[in-house]
Amino acid sequence: MNKIEHLGIAVKDIEQANTLYEKLLGVAPYKQEAVESEAVITSFFKVGDSKIELLASTREDGPIGKFISKKGEGIHHIAFDVDDIELELDRLEKEGFQLINKVPKPGADNKLVAFLHPKSTNGVLIELCQEKSVDQDITK
């Protein structure tokens, strides 16, 4: 693992949260996009080398909608940047971590992503992120 790639924060209203974080951080989001497979709209802020991803559900039964109904708004996950997501998933599974995704999938901000189950990480949802290359097949 190279570094913390971003912190994911679940929010009810993406526009209201964008306004709040713009005021807080003193910068506008550099990207907003929908990830239909996860029923979410994301908004990314960058301050120095740090990134924050705001996540708002597009459906109540989506992963973020369920998270908010159980726990409310707040930190949803910590994402780590990796060079080879498939090798890292293999390594972590051999170390005994429970994988939510055994195969990486397309994520927001030009990334391949996979998650580790919080049951195996002391209650913290961990995301692995790898920058997609131009020739990478992301339709797995």
N, C-alpha and C. Protein backbone atom coordinates (compact mmCIF):
# COMPACT_ATOMS: atom_id res chain seq x y z
N MET A 1 0.85 -1.17 0.00
CA MET A 1 0.00 0.00 0.00
C MET A 1 0.89 1.23 0.00
N ASN A 2 0.55 2.17 -0.85
CA ASN A 2 1.39 3.35 -1.03
C ASN A 2 1.05 4.50 -0.09
N LYS A 3 -0.25 4.79 0.02
CA LYS A 3 -0.69 5.94 0.82
C LYS A 3 -2.19 5.87 0.98
N ILE A 4 -2.73 6.72 1.85
CA ILE A 4 -4.18 6.90 1.89
C ILE A 4 -4.54 7.66 0.63
N GLU A 5 -5.41 7.09 -0.18
CA GLU A 5 -5.82 7.71 -1.44
C GLU A 5 -6.89 8.76 -1.17
N HIS A 6 -7.86 8.40 -0.34
CA HIS A 6 -8.90 9.36 0.05
C HIS A 6 -9.68 8.83 1.25
N LEU A 7 -10.45 9.72 1.85
CA LEU A 7 -11.44 9.36 2.87
C LEU A 7 -12.81 9.51 2.22
N GLY A 8 -13.65 8.50 2.37
CA GLY A 8 -15.00 8.56 1.83
C GLY A 8 -15.98 8.96 2.92
N ILE A 9 -16.81 9.95 2.63
CA ILE A 9 -17.77 10.46 3.60
C ILE A 9 -19.17 10.36 3.01
N ALA A 10 -20.04 9.62 3.69
CA ALA A 10 -21.43 9.46 3.26
C ALA A 10 -22.23 10.71 3.63
N VAL A 11 -22.97 11.23 2.66
CA VAL A 11 -23.79 12.43 2.88
C VAL A 11 -25.20 12.20 2.31
N LYS A 12 -26.16 12.90 2.88
CA LYS A 12 -27.54 12.79 2.39
C LYS A 12 -27.76 13.63 1.14
N ASP A 13 -27.19 14.82 1.10
CA ASP A 13 -27.45 15.78 0.03
C ASP A 13 -26.11 16.25 -0.53
N ILE A 14 -25.79 15.84 -1.74
CA ILE A 14 -24.48 16.14 -2.32
C ILE A 14 -24.26 17.64 -2.51
N GLU A 15 -25.29 18.36 -2.92
CA GLU A 15 -25.12 19.81 -3.15
C GLU A 15 -24.89 20.55 -1.84
N GLN A 16 -25.65 20.20 -0.81
CA GLN A 16 -25.46 20.83 0.49
C GLN A 16 -24.07 20.50 1.03
N ALA A 17 -23.66 19.24 0.89
CA ALA A 17 -22.34 18.83 1.37
C ALA A 17 -21.23 19.50 0.57
N ASN A 18 -21.41 19.64 -0.74
CA ASN A 18 -20.41 20.36 -1.55
C ASN A 18 -20.22 21.78 -1.04
N THR A 19 -21.32 22.45 -0.76
CA THR A 19 -21.25 23.83 -0.26
C THR A 19 -20.51 23.88 1.08
N LEU A 20 -20.85 22.95 1.98
CA LEU A 20 -20.20 22.90 3.29
C LEU A 20 -18.69 22.67 3.15
N TYR A 21 -18.29 21.66 2.35
CA TYR A 21 -16.87 21.33 2.22
C TYR A 21 -16.10 22.39 1.44
N GLU A 22 -16.78 23.07 0.50
CA GLU A 22 -16.13 24.20 -0.19
C GLU A 22 -15.76 25.27 0.82
N LYS A 23 -16.69 25.60 1.71
CA LYS A 23 -16.41 26.60 2.75
C LYS A 23 -15.33 26.10 3.70
N LEU A 24 -15.43 24.85 4.12
CA LEU A 24 -14.48 24.28 5.08
C LEU A 24 -13.07 24.23 4.51
N LEU A 25 -12.93 23.72 3.29
CA LEU A 25 -11.61 23.48 2.71
C LEU A 25 -11.07 24.65 1.89
N GLY A 26 -11.96 25.57 1.50
CA GLY A 26 -11.51 26.72 0.72
C GLY A 26 -11.24 26.39 -0.74
N VAL A 27 -11.75 25.25 -1.22
CA VAL A 27 -11.61 24.87 -2.63
C VAL A 27 -12.91 24.22 -3.09
N ALA A 28 -13.15 24.31 -4.39
CA ALA A 28 -14.31 23.66 -4.99
C ALA A 28 -13.96 22.21 -5.31
N PRO A 29 -14.97 21.36 -5.45
CA PRO A 29 -14.68 19.99 -5.87
C PRO A 29 -14.07 20.00 -7.27
N TYR A 30 -13.12 19.10 -7.50
CA TYR A 30 -12.50 19.04 -8.82
C TYR A 30 -13.22 18.09 -9.75
N LYS A 31 -14.10 17.27 -9.20
CA LYS A 31 -14.83 16.31 -10.03
C LYS A 31 -16.07 15.85 -9.31
N GLN A 32 -17.16 15.69 -10.08
CA GLN A 32 -18.36 15.06 -9.57
C GLN A 32 -18.79 14.06 -10.62
N GLU A 33 -19.13 12.84 -10.19
CA GLU A 33 -19.56 11.83 -11.15
C GLU A 33 -20.47 10.82 -10.49
N ALA A 34 -21.29 10.18 -11.33
CA ALA A 34 -22.17 9.12 -10.87
C ALA A 34 -21.48 7.78 -11.11
N VAL A 35 -21.64 6.88 -10.15
CA VAL A 35 -21.20 5.49 -10.31
C VAL A 35 -22.48 4.67 -10.19
N GLU A 36 -23.07 4.36 -11.34
CA GLU A 36 -24.38 3.72 -11.36
C GLU A 36 -24.37 2.35 -10.70
N SER A 37 -23.27 1.60 -10.85
CA SER A 37 -23.22 0.25 -10.27
C SER A 37 -23.31 0.29 -8.74
N GLU A 38 -22.96 1.42 -8.14
CA GLU A 38 -23.02 1.57 -6.68
C GLU A 38 -24.17 2.47 -6.24
N ALA A 39 -24.98 2.95 -7.20
CA ALA A 39 -26.11 3.84 -6.91
C ALA A 39 -25.66 5.06 -6.10
N VAL A 40 -24.61 5.72 -6.60
CA VAL A 40 -24.02 6.82 -5.84
C VAL A 40 -23.57 7.95 -6.77
N ILE A 41 -23.63 9.16 -6.24
CA ILE A 41 -23.00 10.32 -6.86
C ILE A 41 -21.83 10.69 -5.98
N THR A 42 -20.67 10.87 -6.59
CA THR A 42 -19.47 11.22 -5.83
C THR A 42 -19.02 12.62 -6.17
N SER A 43 -18.36 13.24 -5.23
CA SER A 43 -17.78 14.55 -5.42
C SER A 43 -16.42 14.54 -4.74
N PHE A 44 -15.37 14.96 -5.46
CA PHE A 44 -14.01 14.88 -4.94
C PHE A 44 -13.41 16.26 -4.68
N PHE A 45 -12.79 16.37 -3.52
CA PHE A 45 -12.05 17.57 -3.13
C PHE A 45 -10.60 17.18 -2.93
N LYS A 46 -9.70 18.09 -3.28
CA LYS A 46 -8.28 17.85 -3.05
C LYS A 46 -7.69 19.05 -2.31
N VAL A 47 -7.01 18.74 -1.22
CA VAL A 47 -6.31 19.76 -0.44
C VAL A 47 -4.91 19.23 -0.21
N GLY A 48 -3.91 19.88 -0.81
CA GLY A 48 -2.55 19.36 -0.75
C GLY A 48 -2.51 17.99 -1.40
N ASP A 49 -1.95 17.02 -0.69
CA ASP A 49 -1.90 15.65 -1.20
C ASP A 49 -3.10 14.82 -0.76
N SER A 50 -4.01 15.43 -0.02
CA SER A 50 -5.14 14.69 0.55
C SER A 50 -6.40 14.87 -0.29
N LYS A 51 -7.19 13.80 -0.36
CA LYS A 51 -8.46 13.85 -1.08
C LYS A 51 -9.59 13.39 -0.18
N ILE A 52 -10.76 13.99 -0.40
CA ILE A 52 -11.99 13.60 0.27
C ILE A 52 -13.01 13.31 -0.81
N GLU A 53 -13.71 12.19 -0.65
CA GLU A 53 -14.78 11.80 -1.57
C GLU A 53 -16.09 11.87 -0.80
N LEU A 54 -16.99 12.72 -1.27
CA LEU A 54 -18.34 12.75 -0.72
C LEU A 54 -19.18 11.77 -1.53
N LEU A 55 -20.02 11.00 -0.84
CA LEU A 55 -20.85 9.98 -1.50
C LEU A 55 -22.30 10.17 -1.11
N ALA A 56 -23.15 10.40 -2.09
CA ALA A 56 -24.59 10.52 -1.85
C ALA A 56 -25.31 9.44 -2.64
N SER A 57 -26.22 8.75 -1.99
CA SER A 57 -26.94 7.66 -2.62
C SER A 57 -27.97 8.18 -3.60
N THR A 58 -28.14 7.45 -4.70
CA THR A 58 -29.19 7.76 -5.65
C THR A 58 -30.43 6.89 -5.41
N ARG A 59 -30.29 5.91 -4.51
CA ARG A 59 -31.40 5.03 -4.14
C ARG A 59 -31.30 4.71 -2.65
N GLU A 60 -32.44 4.64 -1.99
CA GLU A 60 -32.44 4.32 -0.55
C GLU A 60 -31.86 2.94 -0.28
N ASP A 61 -32.03 2.00 -1.23
CA ASP A 61 -31.54 0.64 -1.03
C ASP A 61 -30.12 0.44 -1.55
N GLY A 62 -29.46 1.51 -1.98
CA GLY A 62 -28.06 1.43 -2.40
C GLY A 62 -27.15 1.34 -1.18
N PRO A 63 -25.88 0.97 -1.38
CA PRO A 63 -24.96 0.83 -0.25
C PRO A 63 -24.85 2.07 0.63
N ILE A 64 -24.78 3.25 0.03
CA ILE A 64 -24.67 4.47 0.84
C ILE A 64 -26.00 4.81 1.51
N GLY A 65 -27.10 4.59 0.80
CA GLY A 65 -28.42 4.79 1.41
C GLY A 65 -28.61 3.92 2.63
N LYS A 66 -28.22 2.64 2.54
CA LYS A 66 -28.31 1.73 3.68
C LYS A 66 -27.40 2.17 4.82
N PHE A 67 -26.18 2.59 4.47
CA PHE A 67 -25.22 3.04 5.48
C PHE A 67 -25.80 4.22 6.26
N ILE A 68 -26.32 5.21 5.55
CA ILE A 68 -26.86 6.41 6.19
C ILE A 68 -28.08 6.06 7.05
N SER A 69 -28.93 5.16 6.57
CA SER A 69 -30.10 4.81 7.39
C SER A 69 -29.71 4.09 8.67
N LYS A 70 -28.60 3.36 8.66
CA LYS A 70 -28.11 2.66 9.86
C LYS A 70 -27.29 3.56 10.77
N LYS A 71 -26.35 4.30 10.18
CA LYS A 71 -25.35 5.01 10.98
C LYS A 71 -25.38 6.53 10.85
N GLY A 72 -26.13 7.03 9.88
CA GLY A 72 -26.16 8.47 9.64
C GLY A 72 -24.99 8.91 8.78
N GLU A 73 -24.94 10.20 8.53
CA GLU A 73 -23.85 10.74 7.71
C GLU A 73 -22.53 10.63 8.47
N GLY A 74 -21.45 10.50 7.71
CA GLY A 74 -20.13 10.45 8.35
C GLY A 74 -19.14 9.65 7.54
N ILE A 75 -18.00 9.37 8.16
CA ILE A 75 -16.95 8.64 7.46
C ILE A 75 -17.46 7.25 7.09
N HIS A 76 -17.32 6.92 5.84
CA HIS A 76 -17.80 5.65 5.30
C HIS A 76 -16.66 4.67 5.08
N HIS A 77 -15.52 5.15 4.54
CA HIS A 77 -14.40 4.25 4.26
C HIS A 77 -13.08 5.01 4.17
N ILE A 78 -12.01 4.25 4.29
CA ILE A 78 -10.66 4.75 4.03
C ILE A 78 -10.16 4.00 2.80
N ALA A 79 -9.66 4.75 1.83
CA ALA A 79 -9.15 4.14 0.60
C ALA A 79 -7.63 4.26 0.54
N PHE A 80 -7.00 3.16 0.15
CA PHE A 80 -5.55 3.11 0.01
C PHE A 80 -5.18 2.93 -1.45
N ASP A 81 -4.18 3.67 -1.88
CA ASP A 81 -3.62 3.55 -3.23
C ASP A 81 -2.69 2.35 -3.27
N VAL A 82 -2.83 1.51 -4.30
CA VAL A 82 -1.96 0.36 -4.50
C VAL A 82 -1.48 0.34 -5.94
N ASP A 83 -0.32 -0.29 -6.16
CA ASP A 83 0.23 -0.40 -7.51
C ASP A 83 -0.43 -1.51 -8.31
N ASP A 84 -0.72 -2.64 -7.66
CA ASP A 84 -1.32 -3.79 -8.34
C ASP A 84 -2.44 -4.34 -7.46
N ILE A 85 -3.66 -3.96 -7.77
CA ILE A 85 -4.80 -4.28 -6.92
C ILE A 85 -5.05 -5.78 -6.83
N GLU A 86 -4.84 -6.50 -7.92
CA GLU A 86 -5.08 -7.95 -7.89
C GLU A 86 -4.08 -8.66 -6.99
N LEU A 87 -2.81 -8.27 -7.07
CA LEU A 87 -1.79 -8.86 -6.18
C LEU A 87 -2.09 -8.51 -4.73
N GLU A 88 -2.50 -7.29 -4.48
CA GLU A 88 -2.81 -6.86 -3.11
C GLU A 88 -4.01 -7.62 -2.56
N LEU A 89 -5.04 -7.84 -3.38
CA LEU A 89 -6.19 -8.63 -2.94
C LEU A 89 -5.77 -10.06 -2.60
N ASP A 90 -4.94 -10.66 -3.43
CA ASP A 90 -4.43 -12.02 -3.15
C ASP A 90 -3.67 -12.04 -1.84
N ARG A 91 -2.78 -11.06 -1.64
CA ARG A 91 -1.98 -11.00 -0.42
C ARG A 91 -2.86 -10.87 0.81
N LEU A 92 -3.83 -9.96 0.75
CA LEU A 92 -4.68 -9.70 1.90
C LEU A 92 -5.59 -10.89 2.21
N GLU A 93 -6.08 -11.56 1.19
CA GLU A 93 -6.89 -12.75 1.43
C GLU A 93 -6.06 -13.84 2.10
N LYS A 94 -4.82 -14.01 1.67
CA LYS A 94 -3.93 -14.99 2.30
C LYS A 94 -3.62 -14.62 3.75
N GLU A 95 -3.64 -13.33 4.05
CA GLU A 95 -3.41 -12.86 5.42
C GLU A 95 -4.66 -13.03 6.29
N GLY A 96 -5.77 -13.45 5.68
CA GLY A 96 -6.98 -13.72 6.46
C GLY A 96 -8.05 -12.64 6.40
N PHE A 97 -7.85 -11.63 5.57
CA PHE A 97 -8.87 -10.58 5.46
C PHE A 97 -10.01 -11.08 4.57
N GLN A 98 -11.23 -10.67 4.93
CA GLN A 98 -12.42 -11.04 4.16
C GLN A 98 -12.62 -10.01 3.05
N LEU A 99 -12.66 -10.48 1.81
CA LEU A 99 -12.83 -9.59 0.66
C LEU A 99 -14.31 -9.46 0.33
N ILE A 100 -14.75 -8.24 0.11
CA ILE A 100 -16.08 -8.01 -0.43
C ILE A 100 -16.02 -8.24 -1.94
N ASN A 101 -14.95 -7.76 -2.56
CA ASN A 101 -14.74 -7.92 -4.00
C ASN A 101 -13.48 -8.74 -4.22
N LYS A 102 -13.62 -9.91 -4.80
CA LYS A 102 -12.45 -10.73 -5.13
C LYS A 102 -11.83 -10.27 -6.45
N VAL A 103 -12.62 -9.56 -7.24
CA VAL A 103 -12.17 -9.03 -8.52
C VAL A 103 -12.39 -7.52 -8.50
N PRO A 104 -11.38 -6.73 -8.88
CA PRO A 104 -11.56 -5.27 -8.91
C PRO A 104 -12.66 -4.87 -9.90
N LYS A 105 -13.29 -3.74 -9.61
CA LYS A 105 -14.34 -3.23 -10.49
C LYS A 105 -14.10 -1.75 -10.75
N PRO A 106 -14.73 -1.21 -11.79
CA PRO A 106 -14.57 0.23 -12.07
C PRO A 106 -15.14 1.07 -10.94
N GLY A 107 -14.40 2.09 -10.54
CA GLY A 107 -14.85 3.01 -9.51
C GLY A 107 -14.77 4.44 -10.02
N ALA A 108 -15.00 5.38 -9.16
CA ALA A 108 -14.96 6.79 -9.51
C ALA A 108 -13.51 7.27 -9.65
N ASP A 109 -13.34 8.40 -10.28
CA ASP A 109 -12.06 9.11 -10.39
C ASP A 109 -10.99 8.28 -11.10
N ASN A 110 -11.40 7.52 -12.14
CA ASN A 110 -10.49 6.74 -12.98
C ASN A 110 -9.75 5.66 -12.20
N LYS A 111 -10.45 4.96 -11.33
CA LYS A 111 -9.83 3.94 -10.49
C LYS A 111 -10.47 2.58 -10.70
N LEU A 112 -9.67 1.54 -10.47
CA LEU A 112 -10.18 0.20 -10.21
C LEU A 112 -10.24 0.09 -8.71
N VAL A 113 -11.31 -0.51 -8.18
CA VAL A 113 -11.50 -0.55 -6.73
C VAL A 113 -11.93 -1.93 -6.27
N ALA A 114 -11.67 -2.21 -5.00
CA ALA A 114 -12.15 -3.42 -4.33
C ALA A 114 -12.19 -3.11 -2.84
N PHE A 115 -13.09 -3.78 -2.14
CA PHE A 115 -13.29 -3.48 -0.72
C PHE A 115 -13.00 -4.70 0.15
N LEU A 116 -12.53 -4.42 1.37
CA LEU A 116 -12.35 -5.43 2.41
C LEU A 116 -13.51 -5.28 3.39
N HIS A 117 -14.02 -6.41 3.86
CA HIS A 117 -15.17 -6.37 4.75
C HIS A 117 -14.77 -5.83 6.12
N PRO A 118 -15.58 -4.92 6.68
CA PRO A 118 -15.29 -4.36 8.01
C PRO A 118 -15.19 -5.42 9.11
N LYS A 119 -15.82 -6.57 8.93
CA LYS A 119 -15.74 -7.62 9.96
C LYS A 119 -14.30 -8.09 10.15
N SER A 120 -13.47 -7.92 9.12
CA SER A 120 -12.08 -8.39 9.23
C SER A 120 -11.09 -7.24 9.43
N THR A 121 -11.60 -6.02 9.59
CA THR A 121 -10.72 -4.84 9.74
C THR A 121 -11.16 -3.96 10.92
N ASN A 122 -11.58 -4.61 11.98
CA ASN A 122 -12.01 -3.90 13.20
C ASN A 122 -13.08 -2.84 12.94
N GLY A 123 -14.02 -3.17 12.06
CA GLY A 123 -15.17 -2.29 11.83
C GLY A 123 -14.97 -1.18 10.82
N VAL A 124 -13.82 -1.14 10.16
CA VAL A 124 -13.54 -0.08 9.19
C VAL A 124 -13.63 -0.65 7.78
N LEU A 125 -14.45 -0.03 6.92
CA LEU A 125 -14.51 -0.43 5.52
C LEU A 125 -13.26 0.09 4.83
N ILE A 126 -12.49 -0.82 4.23
CA ILE A 126 -11.25 -0.46 3.54
C ILE A 126 -11.46 -0.63 2.04
N GLU A 127 -11.07 0.39 1.28
CA GLU A 127 -11.11 0.34 -0.17
C GLU A 127 -9.68 0.34 -0.70
N LEU A 128 -9.42 -0.50 -1.68
CA LEU A 128 -8.15 -0.47 -2.41
C LEU A 128 -8.42 0.20 -3.74
N CYS A 129 -7.50 1.09 -4.16
CA CYS A 129 -7.66 1.83 -5.41
C CYS A 129 -6.40 1.70 -6.25
N GLN A 130 -6.59 1.46 -7.52
CA GLN A 130 -5.48 1.47 -8.48
C GLN A 130 -5.89 2.34 -9.65
N GLU A 131 -5.02 3.24 -10.06
CA GLU A 131 -5.27 4.08 -11.23
C GLU A 131 -5.45 3.18 -12.45
N LYS A 132 -6.51 3.43 -13.23
CA LYS A 132 -6.73 2.65 -14.45
C LYS A 132 -5.77 3.11 -15.53
N SER A 133 -5.18 2.16 -16.22
CA SER A 133 -4.37 2.50 -17.38
C SER A 133 -5.26 2.47 -18.61
N VAL A 134 -4.80 3.06 -19.67
CA VAL A 134 -5.60 3.18 -20.90
C VAL A 134 -5.99 1.81 -21.43
N ASP A 135 -5.10 0.83 -21.33
CA ASP A 135 -5.35 -0.49 -21.93
C ASP A 135 -5.97 -1.50 -20.98
N GLN A 136 -6.32 -1.06 -19.76
CA GLN A 136 -6.83 -2.00 -18.76
C GLN A 136 -8.29 -2.33 -19.01
N ASP A 137 -8.61 -3.62 -18.98
CA ASP A 137 -9.98 -4.06 -19.14
C ASP A 137 -10.71 -3.86 -17.82
N ILE A 138 -11.72 -2.99 -17.82
CA ILE A 138 -12.44 -2.70 -16.59
C ILE A 138 -13.84 -3.28 -16.60
N THR A 139 -14.11 -4.19 -17.51
CA THR A 139 -15.47 -4.73 -17.62
C THR A 139 -15.61 -6.05 -16.89
N LYS A 140 -14.65 -6.41 -16.03
CA LYS A 140 -14.70 -7.67 -15.29
C LYS A 140 -15.91 -7.73 -14.41
